N, C-alpha and C. Protein backbone atom coordinates (compact mmCIF):
# COMPACT_ATOMS: atom_id res chain seq x y z
N MET A 1 -19.22 16.94 15.27
CA MET A 1 -18.85 15.76 16.01
C MET A 1 -17.35 15.85 16.30
N HIS A 2 -16.97 15.71 17.52
CA HIS A 2 -15.56 15.75 17.90
C HIS A 2 -15.07 14.31 18.09
N LEU A 3 -13.94 13.98 17.46
CA LEU A 3 -13.34 12.65 17.59
C LEU A 3 -11.93 12.80 18.12
N SER A 4 -11.50 11.84 18.89
CA SER A 4 -10.14 11.84 19.41
C SER A 4 -9.19 11.19 18.42
N ILE A 5 -7.96 11.67 18.43
CA ILE A 5 -6.91 11.02 17.64
C ILE A 5 -6.25 10.01 18.55
N ARG A 6 -6.21 8.76 18.11
CA ARG A 6 -5.69 7.66 18.94
C ARG A 6 -4.40 7.12 18.35
N GLN A 7 -3.54 6.62 19.23
CA GLN A 7 -2.34 5.97 18.77
C GLN A 7 -2.69 4.54 18.35
N ILE A 8 -2.24 4.18 17.13
CA ILE A 8 -2.47 2.84 16.60
C ILE A 8 -1.11 2.34 16.14
N GLY A 9 -0.45 1.54 16.96
CA GLY A 9 0.91 1.11 16.66
C GLY A 9 1.83 2.31 16.62
N ASN A 10 2.58 2.46 15.53
CA ASN A 10 3.48 3.60 15.37
C ASN A 10 2.78 4.78 14.69
N SER A 11 1.49 4.64 14.39
CA SER A 11 0.74 5.68 13.69
C SER A 11 -0.33 6.24 14.61
N HIS A 12 -1.11 7.13 14.07
CA HIS A 12 -2.26 7.68 14.77
C HIS A 12 -3.47 7.59 13.86
N GLY A 13 -4.65 7.52 14.45
CA GLY A 13 -5.84 7.39 13.63
C GLY A 13 -7.07 7.91 14.32
N VAL A 14 -8.12 8.00 13.56
CA VAL A 14 -9.43 8.42 14.05
C VAL A 14 -10.39 7.27 13.77
N VAL A 15 -11.17 6.90 14.75
CA VAL A 15 -12.17 5.85 14.56
C VAL A 15 -13.45 6.52 14.06
N ILE A 16 -13.90 6.09 12.89
CA ILE A 16 -15.11 6.67 12.29
C ILE A 16 -16.29 5.83 12.75
N PRO A 17 -17.26 6.44 13.39
CA PRO A 17 -18.41 5.68 13.88
C PRO A 17 -19.15 4.97 12.74
N LYS A 18 -19.66 3.78 13.03
CA LYS A 18 -20.34 2.96 12.04
C LYS A 18 -21.50 3.68 11.37
N PRO A 19 -22.33 4.43 12.10
CA PRO A 19 -23.43 5.14 11.42
C PRO A 19 -22.94 6.16 10.39
N VAL A 20 -21.80 6.79 10.66
CA VAL A 20 -21.25 7.76 9.71
C VAL A 20 -20.77 7.03 8.46
N LEU A 21 -20.10 5.88 8.64
CA LEU A 21 -19.66 5.08 7.49
C LEU A 21 -20.86 4.66 6.64
N ALA A 22 -21.92 4.22 7.30
CA ALA A 22 -23.12 3.78 6.59
C ALA A 22 -23.76 4.95 5.83
N GLN A 23 -23.81 6.11 6.46
CA GLN A 23 -24.41 7.28 5.82
C GLN A 23 -23.63 7.68 4.57
N LEU A 24 -22.31 7.50 4.59
CA LEU A 24 -21.47 7.87 3.46
C LEU A 24 -21.32 6.74 2.44
N GLY A 25 -21.79 5.55 2.80
CA GLY A 25 -21.65 4.41 1.90
C GLY A 25 -20.23 3.88 1.85
N LEU A 26 -19.48 4.04 2.92
CA LEU A 26 -18.10 3.53 3.00
C LEU A 26 -18.08 2.22 3.75
N ASP A 27 -17.15 1.33 3.38
CA ASP A 27 -16.98 0.09 4.12
C ASP A 27 -15.51 -0.31 4.13
N ALA A 28 -15.17 -1.21 5.05
CA ALA A 28 -13.78 -1.62 5.22
C ALA A 28 -13.25 -2.38 4.01
N GLU A 29 -14.11 -3.10 3.32
CA GLU A 29 -13.67 -3.90 2.18
C GLU A 29 -13.17 -3.03 1.03
N ALA A 30 -13.93 -2.00 0.69
CA ALA A 30 -13.56 -1.13 -0.43
C ALA A 30 -12.50 -0.11 -0.03
N GLY A 31 -12.45 0.25 1.25
CA GLY A 31 -11.50 1.26 1.69
C GLY A 31 -11.95 2.65 1.26
N VAL A 32 -11.03 3.60 1.33
CA VAL A 32 -11.33 4.98 0.94
C VAL A 32 -10.13 5.56 0.21
N GLU A 33 -10.38 6.64 -0.52
CA GLU A 33 -9.31 7.44 -1.07
C GLU A 33 -9.18 8.67 -0.19
N MET A 34 -7.96 9.00 0.21
CA MET A 34 -7.74 10.10 1.12
C MET A 34 -6.93 11.19 0.43
N THR A 35 -7.40 12.43 0.55
CA THR A 35 -6.68 13.59 0.02
C THR A 35 -6.73 14.70 1.05
N ILE A 36 -5.89 15.69 0.85
CA ILE A 36 -5.94 16.89 1.66
C ILE A 36 -6.31 18.02 0.70
N GLU A 37 -7.41 18.70 1.00
CA GLU A 37 -7.90 19.78 0.15
C GLU A 37 -8.17 21.01 1.00
N ASP A 38 -7.48 22.09 0.69
CA ASP A 38 -7.63 23.35 1.41
C ASP A 38 -7.50 23.16 2.92
N GLY A 39 -6.52 22.36 3.32
CA GLY A 39 -6.26 22.15 4.74
C GLY A 39 -7.21 21.19 5.42
N ALA A 40 -8.07 20.52 4.65
CA ALA A 40 -9.01 19.56 5.22
C ALA A 40 -8.69 18.15 4.73
N LEU A 41 -8.80 17.20 5.63
CA LEU A 41 -8.64 15.80 5.28
C LEU A 41 -9.95 15.32 4.67
N VAL A 42 -9.89 14.78 3.45
CA VAL A 42 -11.10 14.36 2.74
C VAL A 42 -11.01 12.87 2.43
N LEU A 43 -12.04 12.12 2.82
CA LEU A 43 -12.14 10.69 2.52
C LEU A 43 -13.27 10.50 1.52
N ARG A 44 -12.98 9.74 0.44
CA ARG A 44 -13.99 9.47 -0.58
C ARG A 44 -14.04 7.98 -0.89
N ARG A 45 -15.22 7.55 -1.36
CA ARG A 45 -15.33 6.18 -1.87
C ARG A 45 -14.41 6.05 -3.06
N PRO A 46 -13.69 4.93 -3.18
CA PRO A 46 -12.87 4.73 -4.36
C PRO A 46 -13.74 4.69 -5.61
N ALA A 47 -13.19 5.17 -6.73
CA ALA A 47 -13.94 5.13 -7.98
C ALA A 47 -14.36 3.70 -8.27
N ARG A 48 -13.44 2.78 -8.10
CA ARG A 48 -13.74 1.35 -8.19
C ARG A 48 -12.56 0.62 -7.56
N PRO A 49 -12.80 -0.53 -6.98
CA PRO A 49 -11.70 -1.27 -6.35
C PRO A 49 -10.61 -1.62 -7.37
N ALA A 50 -9.38 -1.64 -6.91
CA ALA A 50 -8.25 -1.98 -7.78
C ALA A 50 -8.44 -3.35 -8.41
N ARG A 51 -8.07 -3.46 -9.67
CA ARG A 51 -8.10 -4.70 -10.45
C ARG A 51 -9.50 -5.26 -10.66
N THR A 52 -10.51 -4.42 -10.52
CA THR A 52 -11.88 -4.88 -10.76
C THR A 52 -12.01 -5.37 -12.19
N GLY A 53 -12.49 -6.59 -12.35
CA GLY A 53 -12.74 -7.15 -13.67
C GLY A 53 -11.56 -7.81 -14.34
N TRP A 54 -10.38 -7.76 -13.73
CA TRP A 54 -9.19 -8.34 -14.35
C TRP A 54 -9.33 -9.85 -14.54
N ALA A 55 -9.83 -10.56 -13.55
CA ALA A 55 -9.95 -12.02 -13.63
C ALA A 55 -10.91 -12.41 -14.75
N GLU A 56 -12.05 -11.73 -14.84
CA GLU A 56 -13.02 -12.04 -15.88
C GLU A 56 -12.44 -11.74 -17.26
N ALA A 57 -11.72 -10.63 -17.39
CA ALA A 57 -11.12 -10.27 -18.68
C ALA A 57 -10.09 -11.31 -19.10
N ALA A 58 -9.25 -11.76 -18.17
CA ALA A 58 -8.23 -12.77 -18.48
C ALA A 58 -8.89 -14.08 -18.89
N ARG A 59 -9.98 -14.45 -18.21
CA ARG A 59 -10.70 -15.68 -18.54
C ARG A 59 -11.27 -15.61 -19.96
N SER A 60 -11.88 -14.49 -20.31
CA SER A 60 -12.49 -14.38 -21.64
C SER A 60 -11.42 -14.34 -22.74
N ILE A 61 -10.27 -13.74 -22.46
CA ILE A 61 -9.17 -13.74 -23.44
C ILE A 61 -8.67 -15.16 -23.66
N ALA A 62 -8.50 -15.91 -22.56
CA ALA A 62 -8.03 -17.30 -22.67
C ALA A 62 -9.05 -18.16 -23.41
N GLU A 63 -10.34 -17.98 -23.11
CA GLU A 63 -11.38 -18.76 -23.79
C GLU A 63 -11.42 -18.47 -25.28
N ALA A 64 -11.07 -17.24 -25.67
CA ALA A 64 -11.05 -16.87 -27.09
C ALA A 64 -9.77 -17.33 -27.77
N GLY A 65 -8.83 -17.90 -27.00
CA GLY A 65 -7.56 -18.37 -27.55
C GLY A 65 -6.64 -17.23 -27.96
N ASP A 66 -6.84 -16.08 -27.36
CA ASP A 66 -6.07 -14.90 -27.73
C ASP A 66 -5.06 -14.55 -26.64
N ASP A 67 -4.49 -15.58 -25.99
CA ASP A 67 -3.56 -15.31 -24.90
C ASP A 67 -2.14 -15.78 -25.22
N GLU A 68 -1.79 -15.76 -26.49
CA GLU A 68 -0.43 -16.13 -26.88
C GLU A 68 0.52 -14.98 -26.58
N LEU A 69 1.81 -15.32 -26.45
CA LEU A 69 2.81 -14.28 -26.24
C LEU A 69 2.87 -13.39 -27.48
N VAL A 70 2.90 -12.10 -27.29
CA VAL A 70 2.92 -11.16 -28.40
C VAL A 70 4.29 -11.17 -29.07
N MET A 71 5.35 -11.18 -28.27
CA MET A 71 6.70 -11.11 -28.82
C MET A 71 7.35 -12.48 -28.97
N GLY A 72 6.72 -13.50 -28.47
CA GLY A 72 7.32 -14.82 -28.53
C GLY A 72 8.47 -14.97 -27.55
N GLU A 73 9.07 -16.14 -27.54
CA GLU A 73 10.22 -16.39 -26.65
C GLU A 73 11.48 -15.83 -27.30
N PHE A 74 12.30 -15.21 -26.52
CA PHE A 74 13.58 -14.73 -27.03
C PHE A 74 14.57 -14.72 -25.87
N GLY A 75 15.81 -14.83 -26.20
CA GLY A 75 16.85 -14.85 -25.18
C GLY A 75 17.85 -13.74 -25.42
N ASN A 76 18.84 -13.71 -24.57
CA ASN A 76 19.92 -12.74 -24.70
C ASN A 76 21.10 -13.39 -25.42
N ALA A 77 21.95 -12.59 -26.02
CA ALA A 77 23.08 -13.11 -26.79
C ALA A 77 23.99 -13.99 -25.93
N GLU A 78 24.13 -13.68 -24.65
CA GLU A 78 25.05 -14.42 -23.79
C GLU A 78 24.40 -15.60 -23.06
N ASP A 79 23.13 -15.91 -23.34
CA ASP A 79 22.44 -16.97 -22.61
C ASP A 79 23.10 -18.32 -22.78
N SER A 80 23.72 -18.58 -23.91
CA SER A 80 24.34 -19.89 -24.13
C SER A 80 25.54 -20.11 -23.21
N GLU A 81 26.10 -19.05 -22.65
CA GLU A 81 27.24 -19.16 -21.76
C GLU A 81 26.82 -19.43 -20.31
N LEU A 82 25.54 -19.32 -19.99
CA LEU A 82 25.08 -19.53 -18.63
C LEU A 82 25.14 -21.02 -18.27
N VAL A 83 25.56 -21.28 -17.04
CA VAL A 83 25.64 -22.65 -16.54
C VAL A 83 24.58 -22.78 -15.44
N TRP A 84 23.68 -23.73 -15.59
CA TRP A 84 22.61 -23.92 -14.62
C TRP A 84 22.88 -25.10 -13.75
């Protein structure tokens, strides 16, 4: 399949046909990981989306009451000289 390289703003890009995206299981929401291997441009599904599960983990930590500061509050030696 031959595709044209198109100008997109200050960059250039290739439009990947929807059937090819579907065949590879790629979508706009998840994006792709791009590498260059042996002179070829390679697009892969991300291993997992960034920050997957962070919100649920934070919620369960808070529900367990285990979200206190580890080091506690502390200041710098010169903080008393600051004028706010």
